Amino acid sequence: MRTPINRLPIMAKSVLDLYELYNLVIARGGLVDVINKKLWQEIIKGLHLPSSITSAAFTLRTQ
């Protein structure tokens, strides 16, 4: 929302693609639906992040 990004979000030692994250969340009905339906594992797979990251859902929500 036109908010400047002061630091790049990092996950699994690489820069998180915010545009791809946005598209994956929107394709699944938006943030509220992803949270309520617990679709974070699908988002993680779509971002090609390793499934071994146990706190990935929390990290994605807070970044």
Protein backbone atom coordinates (compact mmCIF):
# COMPACT_ATOMS: atom_id res chain seq x y z
CA MET A 1 0.00 0.00 0.00
CA ARG A 2 2.67 2.41 -1.06
CA THR A 3 4.58 1.83 2.16
CA PRO A 4 8.33 1.88 1.61
CA ILE A 5 10.20 -1.30 2.41
CA ASN A 6 13.15 -0.45 4.61
CA ARG A 7 14.65 -3.94 4.62
CA LEU A 8 14.13 -6.88 2.33
CA PRO A 9 12.35 -9.85 3.91
CA ILE A 10 14.56 -12.95 4.03
CA MET A 11 13.37 -16.56 4.23
CA ALA A 12 15.52 -19.68 3.81
CA LYS A 13 18.57 -17.47 3.22
CA SER A 14 17.05 -15.83 0.15
CA VAL A 15 15.01 -12.69 -0.51
CA LEU A 16 11.27 -13.30 -0.29
CA ASP A 17 9.42 -12.49 -3.52
CA LEU A 18 6.64 -10.26 -2.20
CA TYR A 19 4.87 -10.03 -5.56
CA GLU A 20 4.67 -13.81 -5.83
CA LEU A 21 3.50 -14.05 -2.20
CA TYR A 22 0.76 -11.52 -2.95
CA ASN A 23 -0.38 -13.41 -6.05
CA LEU A 24 -0.46 -16.77 -4.24
CA VAL A 25 -2.51 -15.34 -1.37
CA ILE A 26 -4.96 -13.57 -3.69
CA ALA A 27 -5.39 -16.74 -5.77
CA ARG A 28 -6.53 -18.55 -2.63
CA GLY A 29 -9.13 -15.98 -1.64
CA GLY A 30 -7.10 -13.40 0.24
CA LEU A 31 -5.30 -13.20 3.54
CA VAL A 32 -8.33 -13.92 5.72
CA ASP A 33 -9.17 -17.10 3.79
CA VAL A 34 -5.55 -18.29 3.86
CA ILE A 35 -5.42 -17.79 7.63
CA ASN A 36 -8.85 -19.29 8.37
CA LYS A 37 -8.42 -22.28 6.03
CA LYS A 38 -4.78 -22.77 7.11
CA LEU A 39 -3.45 -22.73 3.56
CA TRP A 40 0.05 -21.60 4.49
CA GLN A 41 1.62 -24.90 3.41
CA GLU A 42 0.29 -24.30 -0.11
CA ILE A 43 1.76 -20.80 -0.07
CA ILE A 44 5.11 -22.15 1.14
CA LYS A 45 5.14 -24.73 -1.68
CA GLY A 46 4.20 -22.05 -4.21
CA LEU A 47 7.15 -19.93 -3.09
CA HIS A 48 9.46 -22.96 -3.43
CA LEU A 49 10.56 -22.70 0.18
CA PRO A 50 11.81 -25.81 1.98
CA SER A 51 9.11 -27.55 4.00
CA SER A 52 11.62 -27.98 6.81
CA ILE A 53 11.02 -24.39 7.93
CA THR A 54 8.72 -25.02 10.88
CA SER A 55 7.91 -21.36 11.52
CA ALA A 56 7.33 -20.42 7.88
CA ALA A 57 3.64 -19.56 8.30
CA PHE A 58 4.39 -17.27 11.23
CA THR A 59 7.31 -15.67 9.40
CA LEU A 60 5.23 -15.05 6.27
CA ARG A 61 2.47 -13.39 8.27
CA THR A 62 4.84 -11.13 10.17
CA GLN A 63 6.97 -10.09 7.20
